[in-house]
PDB file of N, CA and C in Angstrom:
ATOM      1  N   MET A   1       0.893  -1.084   0.133  1.00  0.00           N
ATOM      2  CA  MET A   1      -0.069  -0.015   0.060  1.00  0.00           C
ATOM      3  C   MET A   1       0.892   1.289  -0.021  1.00  0.00           C
ATOM      4  N   THR A   2       0.473   2.189  -0.953  1.00  0.00           N
ATOM      5  CA  THR A   2       1.254   3.612  -0.655  1.00  0.00           C
ATOM      6  C   THR A   2       1.147   4.240   0.286  1.00  0.00           C
ATOM      7  N   LYS A   3       2.113   4.901   0.910  1.00  0.00           N
ATOM      8  CA  LYS A   3       2.040   5.826   1.969  1.00  0.00           C
ATOM      9  C   LYS A   3       1.694   7.109   1.346  1.00  0.00           C
ATOM     10  N   ILE A   4       0.456   7.607   1.862  1.00  0.00           N
ATOM     11  CA  ILE A   4      -0.559   8.921   1.724  1.00  0.00           C
ATOM     12  C   ILE A   4      -0.718   9.688   2.892  1.00  0.00           C
ATOM     13  N   HIS A   5       0.230  11.044   2.813  1.00  0.00           N
ATOM     14  CA  HIS A   5      -0.320  11.840   3.968  1.00  0.00           C
ATOM     15  C   HIS A   5      -1.317  12.548   4.260  1.00  0.00           C
ATOM     16  N   LEU A   6      -2.057  12.374   5.385  1.00  0.00           N
ATOM     17  CA  LEU A   6      -3.473  12.649   5.606  1.00  0.00           C
ATOM     18  C   LEU A   6      -3.314  13.614   6.981  1.00  0.00           C
ATOM     19  N   GLU A   7      -3.886  14.688   6.996  1.00  0.00           N
ATOM     20  CA  GLU A   7      -4.259  15.762   8.364  1.00  0.00           C
ATOM     21  C   GLU A   7      -5.533  15.748   8.281  1.00  0.00           C
ATOM     22  N   THR A   8      -6.228  15.971   9.676  1.00  0.00           N
ATOM     23  CA  THR A   8      -7.361  16.011   9.791  1.00  0.00           C
ATOM     24  C   THR A   8      -7.645  16.918  11.168  1.00  0.00           C
ATOM     25  N   PHE A   9      -8.816  17.763  10.809  1.00  0.00           N
ATOM     26  CA  PHE A   9      -9.133  18.738  12.102  1.00  0.00           C
ATOM     27  C   PHE A   9     -10.491  18.727  12.371  1.00  0.00           C
ATOM     28  N   GLY A  10     -10.870  19.162  13.498  1.00  0.00           N
ATOM     29  CA  GLY A  10     -12.335  19.286  13.866  1.00  0.00           C
ATOM     30  C   GLY A  10     -13.297  17.947  13.739  1.00  0.00           C
ATOM     31  N   LYS A  11     -14.412  18.549  13.924  1.00  0.00           N
ATOM     32  CA  LYS A  11     -15.778  17.461  13.990  1.00  0.00           C
ATOM     33  C   LYS A  11     -16.888  18.181  13.335  1.00  0.00           C
ATOM     34  N   GLY A  12     -17.622  17.494  12.955  1.00  0.00           N
ATOM     35  CA  GLY A  12     -18.724  17.456  12.059  1.00  0.00           C
ATOM     36  C   GLY A  12     -18.929  17.039  10.696  1.00  0.00           C
ATOM     37  N   LYS A  13     -19.678  17.706  10.088  1.00  0.00           N
ATOM     38  CA  LYS A  13     -19.829  17.094   8.322  1.00  0.00           C
ATOM     39  C   LYS A  13     -18.425  17.252   8.018  1.00  0.00           C
ATOM     40  N   PRO A  14     -18.205  16.150   7.100  1.00  0.00           N
ATOM     41  CA  PRO A  14     -16.889  16.270   6.521  1.00  0.00           C
ATOM     42  C   PRO A  14     -16.612  16.894   5.192  1.00  0.00           C
ATOM     43  N   ILE A  15     -15.287  17.296   5.028  1.00  0.00           N
ATOM     44  CA  ILE A  15     -15.078  17.874   3.963  1.00  0.00           C
ATOM     45  C   ILE A  15     -13.425  17.473   3.822  1.00  0.00           C
ATOM     46  N   VAL A  16     -12.999  16.878   2.430  1.00  0.00           N
ATOM     47  CA  VAL A  16     -11.762  16.790   1.965  1.00  0.00           C
ATOM     48  C   VAL A  16     -11.077  18.000   1.068  1.00  0.00           C
ATOM     49  N   LEU A  17     -10.239  18.184   1.455  1.00  0.00           N
ATOM     50  CA  LEU A  17      -9.340  19.135   0.829  1.00  0.00           C
ATOM     51  C   LEU A  17      -8.230  18.654   0.183  1.00  0.00           C
ATOM     52  N   VAL A  18      -8.035  18.728  -1.236  1.00  0.00           N
ATOM     53  CA  VAL A  18      -6.711  18.084  -2.196  1.00  0.00           C
ATOM     54  C   VAL A  18      -6.094  19.499  -2.616  1.00  0.00           C
ATOM     55  N   HIS A  19      -5.052  19.655  -2.546  1.00  0.00           N
ATOM     56  CA  HIS A  19      -4.163  20.647  -3.135  1.00  0.00           C
ATOM     57  C   HIS A  19      -3.913  20.758  -4.846  1.00  0.00           C
ATOM     58  N   GLY A  20      -3.514  21.535  -5.352  1.00  0.00           N
ATOM     59  CA  GLY A  20      -3.185  21.512  -6.568  1.00  0.00           C
ATOM     60  C   GLY A  20      -1.878  20.774  -6.966  1.00  0.00           C
ATOM     61  N   TRP A  21      -1.344  20.621  -8.041  1.00  0.00           N
ATOM     62  CA  TRP A  21      -0.220  20.396  -8.726  1.00  0.00           C
ATOM     63  C   TRP A  21       1.096  21.011  -8.019  1.00  0.00           C
ATOM     64  N   ALA A  22       2.121  20.317  -7.536  1.00  0.00           N
ATOM     65  CA  ALA A  22       3.226  20.660  -7.117  1.00  0.00           C
ATOM     66  C   ALA A  22       3.166  21.387  -5.734  1.00  0.00           C
ATOM     67  N   MET A  23       2.122  21.199  -4.839  1.00  0.00           N
ATOM     68  CA  MET A  23       1.912  21.750  -3.622  1.00  0.00           C
ATOM     69  C   MET A  23       1.780  20.761  -2.687  1.00  0.00           C
ATOM     70  N   HIS A  24       1.255  20.819  -1.473  1.00  0.00           N
ATOM     71  CA  HIS A  24       1.126  19.990  -0.182  1.00  0.00           C
ATOM     72  C   HIS A  24       0.019  20.335   0.531  1.00  0.00           C
ATOM     73  N   THR A  25      -0.487  19.469   1.759  1.00  0.00           N
ATOM     74  CA  THR A  25      -1.376  19.697   2.371  1.00  0.00           C
ATOM     75  C   THR A  25      -1.460  21.215   3.273  1.00  0.00           C
ATOM     76  N   GLY A  26       0.100  21.762   3.492  1.00  0.00           N
ATOM     77  CA  GLY A  26       0.322  22.966   4.049  1.00  0.00           C
ATOM     78  C   GLY A  26      -0.454  24.128   3.644  1.00  0.00           C
ATOM     79  N   ILE A  27      -0.782  23.968   2.471  1.00  0.00           N
ATOM     80  CA  ILE A  27      -1.470  25.198   1.645  1.00  0.00           C
ATOM     81  C   ILE A  27      -2.732  25.150   2.088  1.00  0.00           C
ATOM     82  N   TRP A  28      -3.453  24.469   2.830  1.00  0.00           N
ATOM     83  CA  TRP A  28      -4.791  24.343   3.573  1.00  0.00           C
ATOM     84  C   TRP A  28      -4.991  24.376   4.795  1.00  0.00           C
ATOM     85  N   ARG A  29      -3.506  24.598   5.519  1.00  0.00           N
ATOM     86  CA  ARG A  29      -3.653  24.219   6.939  1.00  0.00           C
ATOM     87  C   ARG A  29      -4.241  25.116   7.653  1.00  0.00           C
ATOM     88  N   GLU A  30      -4.218  26.765   7.401  1.00  0.00           N
ATOM     89  CA  GLU A  30      -4.833  27.680   8.151  1.00  0.00           C
ATOM     90  C   GLU A  30      -6.466  27.508   7.756  1.00  0.00           C
ATOM     91  N   PHE A  31      -6.504  27.391   6.552  1.00  0.00           N
ATOM     92  CA  PHE A  31      -8.195  27.249   6.285  1.00  0.00           C
ATOM     93  C   PHE A  31      -8.837  26.439   6.817  1.00  0.00           C
ATOM     94  N   ALA A  32      -7.880  25.291   6.764  1.00  0.00           N
ATOM     95  CA  ALA A  32      -8.640  23.793   7.381  1.00  0.00           C
ATOM     96  C   ALA A  32      -8.890  24.018   8.868  1.00  0.00           C
ATOM     97  N   LYS A  33      -8.145  24.621   9.407  1.00  0.00           N
ATOM     98  CA  LYS A  33      -8.394  25.061  10.969  1.00  0.00           C
ATOM     99  C   LYS A  33      -9.711  25.916  11.297  1.00  0.00           C
ATOM    100  N   LEU A  34      -9.633  27.202  10.170  1.00  0.00           N
ATOM    101  CA  LEU A  34     -10.964  27.738  10.284  1.00  0.00           C
ATOM    102  C   LEU A  34     -12.078  26.951   9.976  1.00  0.00           C
ATOM    103  N   LEU A  35     -12.070  25.855   8.995  1.00  0.00           N
ATOM    104  CA  LEU A  35     -13.191  25.248   8.630  1.00  0.00           C
ATOM    105  C   LEU A  35     -13.413  24.281   9.850  1.00  0.00           C
ATOM    106  N   ALA A  36     -12.690  23.645  10.635  1.00  0.00           N
ATOM    107  CA  ALA A  36     -12.715  22.624  11.461  1.00  0.00           C
ATOM    108  C   ALA A  36     -13.627  23.555  12.945  1.00  0.00           C
ATOM    109  N   GLN A  37     -13.886  24.836  12.985  1.00  0.00           N
ATOM    110  CA  GLN A  37     -14.763  25.112  13.946  1.00  0.00           C
ATOM    111  C   GLN A  37     -16.224  24.646  13.376  1.00  0.00           C
ATOM    112  N   ASN A  38     -16.278  24.184  12.613  1.00  0.00           N
ATOM    113  CA  ASN A  38     -17.762  23.629  12.078  1.00  0.00           C
ATOM    114  C   ASN A  38     -17.899  22.250  11.419  1.00  0.00           C
ATOM    115  N   TYR A  39     -16.664  22.004  10.832  1.00  0.00           N
ATOM    116  CA  TYR A  39     -16.413  20.528  10.112  1.00  0.00           C
ATOM    117  C   TYR A  39     -15.687  19.960  10.490  1.00  0.00           C
ATOM    118  N   ARG A  40     -15.598  18.506   9.919  1.00  0.00           N
ATOM    119  CA  ARG A  40     -14.438  17.527   9.940  1.00  0.00           C
ATOM    120  C   ARG A  40     -13.782  17.589   8.803  1.00  0.00           C
ATOM    121  N   VAL A  41     -12.449  18.056   9.107  1.00  0.00           N
ATOM    122  CA  VAL A  41     -11.696  18.427   7.750  1.00  0.00           C
ATOM    123  C   VAL A  41     -10.510  17.430   7.457  1.00  0.00           C
ATOM    124  N   ALA A  42     -10.442  16.899   6.138  1.00  0.00           N
ATOM    125  CA  ALA A  42      -9.439  16.028   5.927  1.00  0.00           C
ATOM    126  C   ALA A  42      -8.525  16.459   4.650  1.00  0.00           C
ATOM    127  N   CYS A  43      -7.109  16.960   4.855  1.00  0.00           N
ATOM    128  CA  CYS A  43      -6.482  17.287   4.128  1.00  0.00           C
ATOM    129  C   CYS A  43      -5.146  16.366   3.708  1.00  0.00           C
ATOM    130  N   ILE A  44      -5.130  15.963   2.093  1.00  0.00           N
ATOM    131  CA  ILE A  44      -4.472  14.974   1.496  1.00  0.00           C
ATOM    132  C   ILE A  44      -3.330  15.197   0.689  1.00  0.00           C
ATOM    133  N   ASP A  45      -2.145  14.842   0.980  1.00  0.00           N
ATOM    134  CA  ASP A  45      -1.171  15.176  -0.197  1.00  0.00           C
ATOM    135  C   ASP A  45      -1.209  14.237  -1.130  1.00  0.00           C
ATOM    136  N   LEU A  46      -1.547  14.813  -2.388  1.00  0.00           N
ATOM    137  CA  LEU A  46      -1.769  13.758  -3.623  1.00  0.00           C
ATOM    138  C   LEU A  46      -0.417  12.480  -3.617  1.00  0.00           C
ATOM    139  N   PRO A  47      -0.436  11.552  -4.348  1.00  0.00           N
ATOM    140  CA  PRO A  47       0.885  10.856  -4.698  1.00  0.00           C
ATOM    141  C   PRO A  47       1.924  11.576  -5.109  1.00  0.00           C
ATOM    142  N   GLY A  48       3.338  11.476  -4.548  1.00  0.00           N
ATOM    143  CA  GLY A  48       4.392  12.228  -4.992  1.00  0.00           C
ATOM    144  C   GLY A  48       4.672  13.703  -4.450  1.00  0.00           C
ATOM    145  N   HIS A  49       3.792  14.043  -3.734  1.00  0.00           N
ATOM    146  CA  HIS A  49       3.629  15.423  -3.456  1.00  0.00           C
ATOM    147  C   HIS A  49       3.714  15.273  -1.610  1.00  0.00           C
ATOM    148  N   GLY A  50       4.310  16.678  -1.085  1.00  0.00           N
ATOM    149  CA  GLY A  50       4.500  16.732   0.177  1.00  0.00           C
ATOM    150  C   GLY A  50       5.054  15.328   0.807  1.00  0.00           C
ATOM    151  N   ARG A  51       4.365  14.872   1.853  1.00  0.00           N
ATOM    152  CA  ARG A  51       4.895  13.733   2.501  1.00  0.00           C
ATOM    153  C   ARG A  51       4.020  12.276   1.706  1.00  0.00           C
ATOM    154  N   SER A  52       3.734  12.134   0.768  1.00  0.00           N
ATOM    155  CA  SER A  52       3.231  11.267   0.412  1.00  0.00           C
ATOM    156  C   SER A  52       4.065  10.580  -0.857  1.00  0.00           C
ATOM    157  N   GLU A  53       3.941   9.023  -0.930  1.00  0.00           N
ATOM    158  CA  GLU A  53       4.980   8.321  -1.743  1.00  0.00           C
ATOM    159  C   GLU A  53       4.734   8.668  -3.013  1.00  0.00           C
ATOM    160  N   LYS A  54       5.474   8.136  -4.191  1.00  0.00           N
ATOM    161  CA  LYS A  54       5.363   8.352  -5.342  1.00  0.00           C
ATOM    162  C   LYS A  54       4.604   6.949  -5.927  1.00  0.00           C
ATOM    163  N   ILE A  55       3.933   7.125  -6.728  1.00  0.00           N
ATOM    164  CA  ILE A  55       3.229   5.917  -7.259  1.00  0.00           C
ATOM    165  C   ILE A  55       3.608   5.890  -8.700  1.00  0.00           C
ATOM    166  N   ASP A  56       3.561   4.768  -9.285  1.00  0.00           N
ATOM    167  CA  ASP A  56       3.897   4.437 -10.728  1.00  0.00           C
ATOM    168  C   ASP A  56       2.977   3.565 -11.088  1.00  0.00           C
ATOM    169  N   PRO A  57       1.953   3.634 -12.128  1.00  0.00           N
ATOM    170  CA  PRO A  57       2.056   4.758 -13.210  1.00  0.00           C
ATOM    171  C   PRO A  57       1.421   6.043 -12.276  1.00  0.00           C
ATOM    172  N   PHE A  58       1.780   7.017 -12.585  1.00  0.00           N
ATOM    173  CA  PHE A  58       1.273   8.079 -12.068  1.00  0.00           C
ATOM    174  C   PHE A  58       0.270   8.732 -13.072  1.00  0.00           C
ATOM    175  N   THR A  59      -1.020   7.962 -12.874  1.00  0.00           N
ATOM    176  CA  THR A  59      -2.331   8.329 -13.867  1.00  0.00           C
ATOM    177  C   THR A  59      -3.314   8.853 -12.829  1.00  0.00           C
ATOM    178  N   LEU A  60      -4.467   9.501 -13.555  1.00  0.00           N
ATOM    179  CA  LEU A  60      -5.456   9.956 -12.857  1.00  0.00           C
ATOM    180  C   LEU A  60      -6.281   9.009 -12.395  1.00  0.00           C
ATOM    181  N   GLU A  61      -6.613   7.588 -12.791  1.00  0.00           N
ATOM    182  CA  GLU A  61      -7.272   6.381 -12.499  1.00  0.00           C
ATOM    183  C   GLU A  61      -6.491   6.185 -10.939  1.00  0.00           C
ATOM    184  N   ARG A  62      -5.191   5.940 -11.255  1.00  0.00           N
ATOM    185  CA  ARG A  62      -4.482   5.480  -9.842  1.00  0.00           C
ATOM    186  C   ARG A  62      -4.316   6.659  -8.629  1.00  0.00           C
ATOM    187  N   ILE A  63      -4.224   7.728  -9.184  1.00  0.00           N
ATOM    188  CA  ILE A  63      -4.455   8.844  -8.297  1.00  0.00           C
ATOM    189  C   ILE A  63      -5.715   8.846  -7.371  1.00  0.00           C
ATOM    190  N   SER A  64      -6.892   8.737  -8.140  1.00  0.00           N
ATOM    191  CA  SER A  64      -8.263   8.598  -7.554  1.00  0.00           C
ATOM    192  C   SER A  64      -8.443   7.373  -6.694  1.00  0.00           C
ATOM    193  N   ASP A  65      -7.943   6.253  -7.183  1.00  0.00           N
ATOM    194  CA  ASP A  65      -7.908   5.217  -6.147  1.00  0.00           C
ATOM    195  C   ASP A  65      -7.318   5.367  -4.869  1.00  0.00           C
ATOM    196  N   GLU A  66      -6.147   5.891  -5.045  1.00  0.00           N
ATOM    197  CA  GLU A  66      -5.084   6.412  -3.746  1.00  0.00           C
ATOM    198  C   GLU A  66      -5.966   7.166  -2.730  1.00  0.00           C
ATOM    199  N   LEU A  67      -6.550   8.412  -3.643  1.00  0.00           N
ATOM    200  CA  LEU A  67      -7.478   9.208  -2.725  1.00  0.00           C
ATOM    201  C   LEU A  67      -8.794   8.296  -2.080  1.00  0.00           C
ATOM    202  N   VAL A  68      -9.466   7.564  -2.759  1.00  0.00           N
ATOM    203  CA  VAL A  68     -10.451   7.027  -2.121  1.00  0.00           C
ATOM    204  C   VAL A  68     -10.280   6.088  -1.056  1.00  0.00           C
ATOM    205  N   ASN A  69      -8.929   5.462  -1.213  1.00  0.00           N
ATOM    206  CA  ASN A  69      -8.220   4.528   0.003  1.00  0.00           C
ATOM    207  C   ASN A  69      -8.050   5.078   1.066  1.00  0.00           C
ATOM    208  N   ILE A  70      -7.697   6.514   1.411  1.00  0.00           N
ATOM    209  CA  ILE A  70      -7.066   7.255   2.355  1.00  0.00           C
ATOM    210  C   ILE A  70      -8.010   7.878   3.067  1.00  0.00           C
ATOM    211  N   ILE A  71      -9.193   8.266   2.414  1.00  0.00           N
ATOM    212  CA  ILE A  71     -10.315   8.841   3.288  1.00  0.00           C
ATOM    213  C   ILE A  71     -10.684   8.152   4.257  1.00  0.00           C
ATOM    214  N   PRO A  72     -10.779   8.760   5.649  1.00  0.00           N
ATOM    215  CA  PRO A  72     -11.163   7.917   6.671  1.00  0.00           C
ATOM    216  C   PRO A  72     -12.525   7.604   6.730  1.00  0.00           C
ATOM    217  N   PRO A  73     -12.589   6.262   7.178  1.00  0.00           N
ATOM    218  CA  PRO A  73     -13.668   5.407   7.190  1.00  0.00           C
ATOM    219  C   PRO A  73     -14.968   6.738   8.130  1.00  0.00           C
ATOM    220  N   SER A  74     -14.055   7.134   9.283  1.00  0.00           N
ATOM    221  CA  SER A  74     -14.898   8.002   9.925  1.00  0.00           C
ATOM    222  C   SER A  74     -15.656   9.552   9.719  1.00  0.00           C
ATOM    223  N   LEU A  75     -15.186   9.433   7.888  1.00  0.00           N
ATOM    224  CA  LEU A  75     -15.588  10.815   7.472  1.00  0.00           C
ATOM    225  C   LEU A  75     -16.970   9.882   6.421  1.00  0.00           C
ATOM    226  N   PRO A  76     -18.195   9.575   6.607  1.00  0.00           N
ATOM    227  CA  PRO A  76     -19.094   9.241   5.854  1.00  0.00           C
ATOM    228  C   PRO A  76     -19.517  10.250   5.048  1.00  0.00           C
ATOM    229  N   PHE A  77     -19.896  10.135   3.945  1.00  0.00           N
ATOM    230  CA  PHE A  77     -20.240  11.008   3.230  1.00  0.00           C
ATOM    231  C   PHE A  77     -21.678  10.697   2.752  1.00  0.00           C
ATOM    232  N   PRO A  78     -22.523  11.715   2.808  1.00  0.00           N
ATOM    233  CA  PRO A  78     -23.908  11.221   2.424  1.00  0.00           C
ATOM    234  C   PRO A  78     -24.096  10.605   0.968  1.00  0.00           C
ATOM    235  N   LYS A  79     -25.004   9.879   0.726  1.00  0.00           N
ATOM    236  CA  LYS A  79     -25.153   9.077  -0.795  1.00  0.00           C
ATOM    237  C   LYS A  79     -25.300  10.362  -1.446  1.00  0.00           C
ATOM    238  N   GLY A  80     -24.838  10.294  -2.691  1.00  0.00           N
ATOM    239  CA  GLY A  80     -24.937  11.400  -3.786  1.00  0.00           C
ATOM    240  C   GLY A  80     -23.988  12.459  -3.435  1.00  0.00           C
ATOM    241  N   GLY A  81     -23.056  12.436  -2.237  1.00  0.00           N
ATOM    242  CA  GLY A  81     -22.164  13.306  -2.249  1.00  0.00           C
ATOM    243  C   GLY A  81     -22.817  14.530  -1.313  1.00  0.00           C
ATOM    244  N   MET A  82     -22.030  15.732  -1.049  1.00  0.00           N
ATOM    245  CA  MET A  82     -22.637  16.711  -0.047  1.00  0.00           C
ATOM    246  C   MET A  82     -22.155  18.229  -0.967  1.00  0.00           C
ATOM    247  N   SER A  83     -22.848  19.087  -0.650  1.00  0.00           N
ATOM    248  CA  SER A  83     -22.508  20.281  -0.840  1.00  0.00           C
ATOM    249  C   SER A  83     -22.671  21.418   0.194  1.00  0.00           C
ATOM    250  N   MET A  84     -21.999  22.559  -0.458  1.00  0.00           N
ATOM    251  CA  MET A  84     -21.898  23.547   1.053  1.00  0.00           C
ATOM    252  C   MET A  84     -22.129  24.745   0.302  1.00  0.00           C
ATOM    253  N   PRO A  85     -22.902  25.652   1.152  1.00  0.00           N
ATOM    254  CA  PRO A  85     -23.219  26.876   0.493  1.00  0.00           C
ATOM    255  C   PRO A  85     -22.032  27.809   0.114  1.00  0.00           C
ATOM    256  N   LEU A  86     -21.905  28.747  -0.864  1.00  0.00           N
ATOM    257  CA  LEU A  86     -21.005  29.332  -1.045  1.00  0.00           C
ATOM    258  C   LEU A  86     -20.999  30.698  -0.093  1.00  0.00           C
ATOM    259  N   ALA A  87     -19.510  31.299   0.497  1.00  0.00           N
ATOM    260  CA  ALA A  87     -19.830  32.324   1.401  1.00  0.00           C
ATOM    261  C   ALA A  87     -19.854  33.477   0.442  1.00  0.00           C
ATOM    262  N   LYS A  88     -20.908  34.403   1.145  1.00  0.00           N
ATOM    263  CA  LYS A  88     -20.972  35.842   0.207  1.00  0.00           C
ATOM    264  C   LYS A  88     -19.883  36.642   0.608  1.00  0.00           C
TER     265      LYS A  88
END
């Protein structure tokens, strides 16, 4: 199994934050702590980024599989996903 770095904050409805290319979970840390006042926030390093191991092949399908496998079971998502209201 590939080592994927995960940081979690807070309690409540789950939110998963994934950074962009060539970044890591640190990009979300302060924002995640603010969200954690009302939500359970999971920040994940993509494979080959931050503290996560590299994968081969580095494909969208493989990356997706790794992300699905690392999301904590304690973050049950409602059937059909969930949405959050946009801030005004």
